[in-house]
Amino acid sequence: MAPENPKSAESPLSEDPARDLPLDSVREGIDQVDRDMLALLNRRAALSLEVGRLKAGSDEPVFKPFREKEVLEKLARENPGPLPEEHLRAIYREIMSSSRRLQRTQKVAYLGPEGTFSYFAAVSYLGKSADFEPRQTIDQVFEAVSLRDAELGVIPLENSLQGTVGQSLDLFLRHDVFIQAELFCRISHSLLSKGTDITRIEEVYSHPQPLAQCSGWLKAHLPMARIVPTDSTAAAATRVVYNPRAAAIGHVKLSEMLGLNVLASRIEDLPDNWTRFLVIGPTETKSGNRDKTSILFTLPDKPGALSMVLSKLASEGINLTKLESRPIRGEKWKYVFFADLQCDLGRDEFQKMLTELRNELHSLRILGSYPTGPYLDVSGSAVVERG
């Protein structure tokens, strides 16, 4: 899109960038570019308002993960530099967040309070313009979305070190929600305390997942400390604010938010620590380049039932990237299977196979088809994204 102001073509920066320019001239050029960008951003905002007006009264969601991924990928391909791609993506995530807000206020539920990794994942992916509403448990996040008290929810699904968050899988059985998008976030843990001496720490609080991810470090450095699980990392940090002999494991930015000291950083047992988060909504996405599909299914009690499912998927050339069973609550020795498939099961070519599977399986539920997620660094350093 060309700048509105023709004077921008006369900016010193539009001439040979290799020649030396006085600092005042460079600043003048930056000021002119800022004016140009301000005009263009407001033009974009006006168009977003028009989209909101056209959608008024409809139930159509304002979060369009396929469209947003398409915009980001196109911009990344066309970016000539020197602006780094990760900076470009971070800037445009905020622009799209603002555009969504101009169309309609968007409530996003997450495992709170503010300062959890779920919070930082949600803000990094959806931008700061959404209304983020904390919930005390993952169950309450699912409930808020299924009851439409929130338009979206952000939940952790699995960690590269400790595996699946079983509670999240179980809650898909209890709540009628659909997967809208996924994101992978780099996680790093810090030991936080009001005290300053790590040798005086007697208790360590955190969510069970971070405690497991840091179990080796805790055994090596705080073997005598009492380990206390909490509902979230942020809740753990609030527990230690007035106790210098207690520490919490959580995001390093909790130290700034609550006035705590960082006694140790990057204490996870393995450095390449990633968590996969899902964005859930009350309805299924209907359009776009849907790269993945997640399903839940239960098997009839007969030999070869699971093999039949895998054979049908393989015969259609569908790659299975995740398969996990969970016990069905209240039914002894009965299991539900969660699977990720590298395909869009909504395509016409898979309908015959789906019909066959529904006839053979005890139950089959499609949780959603969605685009492959980005990789975001929310460990406390600058956000870095790769497609």
Protein backbone atom coordinates (compact mmCIF):
# COMPACT_ATOMS: atom_id res chain seq x y z
CA MET A 1 0.00 0.00 0.00
CA ALA A 2 1.51 3.33 -1.06
CA PRO A 3 1.92 6.13 1.54
CA GLU A 4 -0.83 8.74 1.52
CA ASN A 5 1.48 11.69 1.93
CA PRO A 6 3.44 12.45 -1.26
CA LYS A 7 6.07 14.23 0.79
CA SER A 8 7.25 10.88 2.03
CA ALA A 9 8.94 10.36 -1.35
CA GLU A 10 11.13 13.36 -0.59
CA SER A 11 12.32 11.99 2.76
CA PRO A 12 16.10 11.74 3.13
CA LEU A 13 15.64 8.01 3.73
CA SER A 14 14.16 7.56 0.26
CA GLU A 15 17.52 8.52 -1.27
CA ASP A 16 20.67 6.41 -1.30
CA PRO A 17 20.77 4.81 2.19
CA ALA A 18 24.50 4.22 1.89
CA ARG A 19 25.50 7.87 1.98
CA ASP A 20 26.12 9.59 5.30
CA LEU A 21 23.27 11.69 6.67
CA PRO A 22 23.30 14.20 9.52
CA LEU A 23 21.53 12.85 12.61
CA ASP A 24 18.87 15.58 12.40
CA SER A 25 18.06 14.54 8.83
CA VAL A 26 17.72 10.91 9.86
CA ARG A 27 15.36 11.88 12.68
CA GLU A 28 13.37 14.03 10.30
CA GLY A 29 13.07 11.04 7.98
CA ILE A 30 11.88 8.84 10.85
CA ASP A 31 9.30 11.45 11.85
CA GLN A 32 7.95 11.55 8.30
CA VAL A 33 7.75 7.76 8.10
CA ASP A 34 5.91 7.74 11.45
CA ARG A 35 3.35 10.19 10.06
CA ASP A 36 2.92 8.01 6.97
CA MET A 37 2.47 4.88 9.10
CA LEU A 38 0.00 6.65 11.39
CA ALA A 39 -2.16 7.58 8.42
CA LEU A 40 -2.03 4.04 7.04
CA LEU A 41 -2.79 2.46 10.42
CA ASN A 42 -5.85 4.65 10.77
CA ARG A 43 -6.96 3.72 7.26
CA ARG A 44 -6.66 0.08 8.27
CA ALA A 45 -8.57 0.75 11.50
CA ALA A 46 -11.38 2.40 9.53
CA LEU A 47 -11.64 -0.69 7.33
CA SER A 48 -11.76 -2.90 10.44
CA LEU A 49 -14.60 -0.78 11.80
CA GLU A 50 -16.44 -1.27 8.52
CA VAL A 51 -15.96 -5.03 8.80
CA GLY A 52 -17.42 -4.85 12.30
CA ARG A 53 -20.40 -2.89 11.01
CA LEU A 54 -21.06 -5.45 8.29
CA LYS A 55 -20.85 -8.30 10.83
CA ALA A 56 -23.06 -6.55 13.40
CA GLY A 57 -25.86 -8.80 14.62
CA SER A 58 -24.25 -11.99 13.31
CA ASP A 59 -22.60 -14.76 15.31
CA GLU A 60 -19.56 -14.80 13.04
CA PRO A 61 -16.36 -14.83 15.14
CA VAL A 62 -13.87 -12.00 14.82
CA PHE A 63 -10.90 -14.32 15.36
CA LYS A 64 -9.99 -15.81 11.99
CA PRO A 65 -6.88 -17.96 12.52
CA PHE A 66 -6.60 -19.02 8.88
CA ARG A 67 -6.87 -15.46 7.59
CA GLU A 68 -4.37 -14.19 10.16
CA LYS A 69 -1.87 -16.92 9.35
CA GLU A 70 -2.25 -16.13 5.65
CA VAL A 71 -1.59 -12.43 6.27
CA LEU A 72 1.51 -13.13 8.37
CA GLU A 73 2.94 -15.64 5.90
CA LYS A 74 2.40 -13.30 2.97
CA LEU A 75 4.04 -10.39 4.78
CA ALA A 76 6.99 -12.58 5.78
CA ARG A 77 7.50 -13.68 2.16
CA GLU A 78 7.33 -10.12 0.84
CA ASN A 79 9.48 -8.56 3.58
CA PRO A 80 12.68 -7.21 1.91
CA GLY A 81 14.34 -6.28 5.25
CA PRO A 82 16.15 -4.95 7.14
CA LEU A 83 13.20 -5.38 9.53
CA PRO A 84 13.65 -8.88 11.06
CA GLU A 85 10.83 -11.30 10.35
CA GLU A 86 10.16 -11.96 14.05
CA HIS A 87 9.71 -8.21 14.64
CA LEU A 88 7.38 -7.94 11.67
CA ARG A 89 5.24 -10.80 12.96
CA ALA A 90 5.09 -9.38 16.49
CA ILE A 91 4.05 -5.95 15.18
CA TYR A 92 1.31 -7.38 12.99
CA ARG A 93 -0.04 -9.60 15.75
CA GLU A 94 -0.75 -6.41 17.69
CA ILE A 95 -2.22 -4.70 14.61
CA MET A 96 -4.58 -7.64 14.07
CA SER A 97 -5.43 -7.68 17.77
CA SER A 98 -6.44 -4.02 17.53
CA SER A 99 -8.49 -4.76 14.42
CA ARG A 100 -10.40 -7.49 16.23
CA ARG A 101 -11.07 -5.15 19.15
CA LEU A 102 -12.42 -2.48 16.80
CA GLN A 103 -14.85 -5.02 15.38
CA ARG A 104 -16.03 -6.33 18.74
CA THR A 105 -14.79 -6.74 22.30
CA GLN A 106 -13.34 -10.21 22.61
CA LYS A 107 -13.17 -12.00 25.97
CA VAL A 108 -10.41 -14.59 26.32
CA ALA A 109 -10.36 -16.93 29.33
CA TYR A 110 -7.06 -18.37 30.54
CA LEU A 111 -5.61 -20.16 33.55
CA GLY A 112 -4.85 -17.28 35.89
CA PRO A 113 -4.11 -15.16 37.69
CA GLU A 114 -2.17 -12.77 35.48
CA GLY A 115 1.42 -13.88 35.12
CA THR A 116 0.95 -17.57 34.31
CA PHE A 117 2.51 -19.07 31.21
CA SER A 118 -1.01 -19.41 29.82
CA TYR A 119 -1.37 -15.64 30.21
CA PHE A 120 1.89 -14.86 28.40
CA ALA A 121 1.05 -17.38 25.66
CA ALA A 122 -2.40 -15.83 25.16
CA VAL A 123 -1.07 -12.25 25.00
CA SER A 124 1.80 -13.16 22.66
CA TYR A 125 -0.50 -14.94 20.23
CA LEU A 126 -3.73 -12.91 20.42
CA GLY A 127 -2.23 -9.48 21.17
CA LYS A 128 -2.82 -7.06 24.02
CA SER A 129 -6.13 -5.64 22.75
CA ALA A 130 -8.25 -8.62 23.80
CA ASP A 131 -10.01 -8.67 27.17
CA PHE A 132 -8.13 -11.38 29.07
CA GLU A 133 -10.12 -12.87 31.94
CA PRO A 134 -8.35 -15.19 34.41
CA ARG A 135 -9.94 -18.39 35.69
CA GLN A 136 -8.77 -20.36 38.70
CA THR A 137 -8.72 -23.76 36.98
CA ILE A 138 -8.50 -25.20 33.47
CA ASP A 139 -12.00 -26.61 34.01
CA GLN A 140 -13.30 -23.07 34.47
CA VAL A 141 -11.67 -22.01 31.19
CA PHE A 142 -13.52 -24.79 29.35
CA GLU A 143 -16.74 -23.91 31.16
CA ALA A 144 -16.49 -20.22 30.29
CA VAL A 145 -16.13 -21.04 26.60
CA SER A 146 -18.82 -23.73 26.47
CA LEU A 147 -21.30 -21.40 28.23
CA ARG A 148 -20.21 -18.53 25.94
CA ASP A 149 -19.10 -16.41 28.88
CA ALA A 150 -15.85 -16.06 26.90
CA GLU A 151 -15.40 -16.07 23.14
CA LEU A 152 -12.07 -17.90 23.33
CA GLY A 153 -10.04 -19.85 25.85
CA VAL A 154 -6.33 -20.65 25.97
CA ILE A 155 -5.36 -23.97 27.56
CA PRO A 156 -2.10 -25.97 27.84
CA LEU A 157 -2.25 -29.35 26.11
CA GLU A 158 1.21 -30.89 26.29
CA ASN A 159 4.81 -30.21 27.23
CA SER A 160 7.91 -31.40 25.39
CA LEU A 161 9.46 -32.65 28.66
CA GLN A 162 6.52 -33.95 30.68
CA GLY A 163 4.00 -34.93 28.03
CA THR A 164 0.26 -34.33 27.93
CA VAL A 165 -1.70 -32.27 30.44
CA GLY A 166 -4.19 -35.06 31.08
CA GLN A 167 -6.77 -32.75 32.62
CA SER A 168 -7.09 -30.81 29.37
CA LEU A 169 -7.79 -33.97 27.38
CA ASP A 170 -10.35 -35.11 29.94
CA LEU A 171 -12.19 -31.80 29.77
CA PHE A 172 -12.85 -32.18 26.05
CA LEU A 173 -15.10 -35.07 27.08
CA ARG A 174 -17.12 -32.87 29.43
CA HIS A 175 -17.45 -29.63 27.47
CA ASP A 176 -18.78 -28.92 23.99
CA VAL A 177 -15.91 -26.79 22.66
CA PHE A 178 -13.79 -26.83 19.51
CA ILE A 179 -10.11 -26.20 18.75
CA GLN A 180 -9.61 -22.94 16.83
CA ALA A 181 -5.82 -22.75 16.74
CA GLU A 182 -2.63 -24.01 18.32
CA LEU A 183 0.64 -22.38 19.35
CA PHE A 184 3.94 -23.67 20.68
CA CYS A 185 5.62 -21.61 23.38
CA ARG A 186 9.16 -21.82 24.67
CA ILE A 187 9.01 -22.07 28.46
CA SER A 188 11.67 -21.24 31.02
CA HIS A 189 11.29 -21.34 34.80
CA SER A 190 12.76 -19.17 37.53
CA LEU A 191 12.92 -19.60 41.29
CA LEU A 192 11.31 -16.54 42.90
CA SER A 193 11.24 -15.48 46.53
CA LYS A 194 10.96 -12.50 48.85
CA GLY A 195 14.15 -13.71 50.44
CA THR A 196 17.62 -13.40 48.96
CA ASP A 197 19.36 -16.56 50.19
CA ILE A 198 18.53 -19.80 48.38
CA THR A 199 19.99 -21.87 51.23
CA ARG A 200 17.21 -20.62 53.54
CA ILE A 201 14.33 -21.79 51.32
CA GLU A 202 12.16 -24.38 53.09
CA GLU A 203 9.13 -24.58 50.76
CA VAL A 204 8.69 -24.43 46.99
CA TYR A 205 5.30 -23.73 45.39
CA SER A 206 4.21 -24.16 41.78
CA HIS A 207 1.81 -25.87 39.40
CA PRO A 208 2.48 -29.63 39.11
CA GLN A 209 3.78 -29.32 35.52
CA PRO A 210 6.63 -26.86 36.31
CA LEU A 211 7.45 -28.84 39.46
CA ALA A 212 7.89 -31.93 37.29
CA GLN A 213 9.87 -30.02 34.65
CA CYS A 214 12.28 -28.79 37.36
CA SER A 215 12.36 -31.92 39.53
CA GLY A 216 16.02 -32.70 38.83
CA TRP A 217 17.12 -29.16 39.67
CA LEU A 218 15.07 -29.18 42.87
CA LYS A 219 16.61 -32.47 44.02
CA ALA A 220 20.11 -31.13 43.34
CA HIS A 221 19.72 -27.65 44.87
CA LEU A 222 16.83 -27.84 47.37
CA PRO A 223 16.69 -31.51 48.42
CA MET A 224 15.18 -30.73 51.84
CA ALA A 225 12.54 -28.23 50.70
CA ARG A 226 8.86 -29.15 50.95
CA ILE A 227 7.23 -29.20 47.49
CA VAL A 228 3.70 -27.74 47.42
CA PRO A 229 1.52 -27.99 44.26
CA THR A 230 -0.74 -25.04 43.44
CA ASP A 231 -3.39 -24.26 40.80
CA SER A 232 -1.00 -22.08 38.76
CA THR A 233 2.48 -20.55 38.76
CA ALA A 234 1.07 -17.07 39.41
CA ALA A 235 -0.96 -18.37 42.36
CA ALA A 236 2.24 -19.94 43.68
CA ALA A 237 4.07 -16.61 43.44
CA THR A 238 1.38 -14.82 45.45
CA ARG A 239 1.79 -17.45 48.20
CA VAL A 240 5.43 -16.50 48.80
CA VAL A 241 5.16 -12.70 48.76
CA TYR A 242 5.28 -12.44 52.57
CA ASN A 243 7.43 -15.46 53.37
CA PRO A 244 11.20 -15.11 52.72
CA ARG A 245 11.68 -18.82 53.49
CA ALA A 246 9.39 -19.87 50.64
CA ALA A 247 9.93 -19.75 46.89
CA ALA A 248 7.81 -20.17 43.77
CA ILE A 249 8.64 -21.55 40.35
CA GLY A 250 7.22 -19.46 37.52
CA HIS A 251 7.78 -16.89 34.80
CA VAL A 252 10.62 -14.48 35.49
CA LYS A 253 8.31 -11.47 34.96
CA LEU A 254 6.38 -12.45 38.08
CA SER A 255 9.33 -11.02 40.01
CA GLU A 256 8.59 -7.55 38.61
CA MET A 257 4.84 -7.91 39.05
CA LEU A 258 5.02 -8.99 42.71
CA GLY A 259 8.31 -7.52 43.91
CA LEU A 260 10.11 -10.84 44.27
CA ASN A 261 13.77 -11.69 43.90
CA VAL A 262 15.04 -14.06 41.20
CA LEU A 263 17.12 -16.64 43.08
CA ALA A 264 17.81 -18.78 40.00
CA SER A 265 16.87 -18.72 36.32
CA ARG A 266 16.39 -21.39 33.65
CA ILE A 267 16.01 -24.15 36.21
CA GLU A 268 14.10 -26.54 33.94
CA ASP A 269 15.87 -29.89 33.64
CA LEU A 270 16.25 -29.62 29.86
CA PRO A 271 16.79 -26.30 28.07
CA ASP A 272 14.59 -27.00 25.01
CA ASN A 273 11.32 -26.79 26.94
CA TRP A 274 8.16 -26.13 24.89
CA THR A 275 4.47 -26.21 25.73
CA ARG A 276 1.74 -26.62 23.16
CA PHE A 277 -1.31 -24.46 23.88
CA LEU A 278 -4.71 -24.64 22.21
CA VAL A 279 -7.15 -21.82 21.53
CA ILE A 280 -10.68 -23.16 22.04
CA GLY A 281 -14.02 -21.67 21.05
CA PRO A 282 -17.73 -22.60 21.23
CA THR A 283 -18.09 -23.29 17.48
CA GLU A 284 -16.09 -25.11 14.82
CA THR A 285 -14.09 -23.15 12.28
CA LYS A 286 -15.56 -23.51 8.81
CA SER A 287 -13.06 -22.19 6.29
CA GLY A 288 -9.41 -21.73 5.53
CA ASN A 289 -6.38 -23.91 4.93
CA ARG A 290 -6.94 -26.31 7.77
CA ASP A 291 -3.64 -28.11 8.27
CA LYS A 292 -4.51 -30.35 11.21
CA THR A 293 -7.52 -32.09 12.71
CA SER A 294 -7.92 -33.40 16.27
CA ILE A 295 -10.41 -36.14 17.09
CA LEU A 296 -11.72 -38.11 20.07
CA PHE A 297 -12.96 -41.65 19.60
CA THR A 298 -13.91 -44.75 21.59
CA LEU A 299 -13.53 -48.29 20.34
CA PRO A 300 -15.88 -51.26 20.30
CA ASP A 301 -14.77 -54.09 22.58
CA LYS A 302 -13.37 -56.43 19.93
CA PRO A 303 -9.93 -57.49 18.68
CA GLY A 304 -8.27 -55.30 16.06
CA ALA A 305 -10.50 -52.28 16.63
CA LEU A 306 -7.62 -49.81 16.99
CA SER A 307 -5.72 -51.44 14.13
CA MET A 308 -8.77 -50.89 11.92
CA VAL A 309 -8.75 -47.16 12.65
CA LEU A 310 -5.04 -46.83 11.95
CA SER A 311 -5.34 -48.83 8.72
CA LYS A 312 -8.15 -46.63 7.39
CA LEU A 313 -6.16 -43.48 8.14
CA ALA A 314 -3.05 -44.92 6.49
CA SER A 315 -5.01 -45.98 3.40
CA GLU A 316 -6.04 -42.35 2.91
CA GLY A 317 -2.43 -41.15 3.27
CA ILE A 318 -3.20 -39.40 6.58
CA ASN A 319 -0.23 -38.95 8.93
CA LEU A 320 -0.99 -39.52 12.62
CA THR A 321 1.16 -37.19 14.77
CA LYS A 322 -0.32 -37.89 18.21
CA LEU A 323 -2.30 -40.77 19.71
CA GLU A 324 -3.06 -41.02 23.40
CA SER A 325 -5.59 -42.90 25.46
CA ARG A 326 -7.32 -41.61 28.60
CA PRO A 327 -9.51 -43.59 31.03
CA ILE A 328 -13.19 -42.68 30.88
CA ARG A 329 -14.29 -41.46 34.29
CA GLY A 330 -16.83 -43.78 35.92
CA GLU A 331 -16.25 -46.65 33.49
CA LYS A 332 -13.71 -49.26 34.55
CA TRP A 333 -11.17 -50.22 31.89
CA LYS A 334 -12.83 -48.07 29.24
CA TYR A 335 -10.70 -45.58 27.32
CA VAL A 336 -11.09 -42.65 24.96
CA PHE A 337 -8.43 -41.93 22.34
CA PHE A 338 -7.20 -38.45 21.40
CA ALA A 339 -5.50 -38.15 18.00
CA ASP A 340 -3.90 -35.40 15.91
CA LEU A 341 -4.04 -35.86 12.15
CA GLN A 342 -2.09 -33.93 9.52
CA CYS A 343 -5.07 -33.20 7.30
CA ASP A 344 -8.36 -31.36 7.03
CA LEU A 345 -10.98 -34.05 7.72
CA GLY A 346 -13.67 -31.66 6.48
CA ARG A 347 -12.56 -32.16 2.86
CA ASP A 348 -14.92 -34.06 0.59
CA GLU A 349 -12.36 -36.76 -0.19
CA PHE A 350 -12.44 -37.98 3.44
CA GLN A 351 -16.22 -38.17 3.89
CA LYS A 352 -16.54 -41.81 2.80
CA MET A 353 -13.82 -42.84 5.27
CA LEU A 354 -15.46 -40.81 8.06
CA THR A 355 -18.77 -42.54 7.44
CA GLU A 356 -17.04 -45.93 7.63
CA LEU A 357 -15.29 -44.96 10.86
CA ARG A 358 -18.53 -43.75 12.47
CA ASN A 359 -20.13 -47.10 11.61
CA GLU A 360 -17.23 -49.07 13.09
CA LEU A 361 -16.41 -46.99 16.18
CA HIS A 362 -18.37 -46.72 19.38
CA SER A 363 -18.11 -42.91 19.10
CA LEU A 364 -16.21 -40.34 17.05
CA ARG A 365 -16.01 -36.60 17.70
CA ILE A 366 -14.11 -34.08 15.60
CA LEU A 367 -12.65 -31.47 17.97
CA GLY A 368 -11.68 -29.10 15.18
CA SER A 369 -9.53 -28.51 12.13
CA TYR A 370 -7.05 -25.65 12.38
CA PRO A 371 -3.80 -24.19 10.99
CA THR A 372 -0.42 -25.41 12.18
CA GLY A 373 0.67 -23.13 15.00
CA PRO A 374 3.64 -20.77 15.29
CA TYR A 375 6.54 -21.13 17.72
CA LEU A 376 6.71 -18.23 20.20
CA ASP A 377 9.35 -17.59 22.84
CA VAL A 378 7.56 -16.50 26.02
CA SER A 379 10.39 -17.50 28.35
CA GLY A 380 11.04 -13.92 29.41
CA SER A 381 13.30 -12.76 26.60
CA ALA A 382 12.03 -10.94 23.52
CA VAL A 383 9.26 -12.79 21.73
CA VAL A 384 10.73 -14.80 18.86
CA GLU A 385 8.49 -16.50 16.35
CA ARG A 386 9.15 -18.98 13.62
CA GLY A 387 6.50 -20.19 11.24
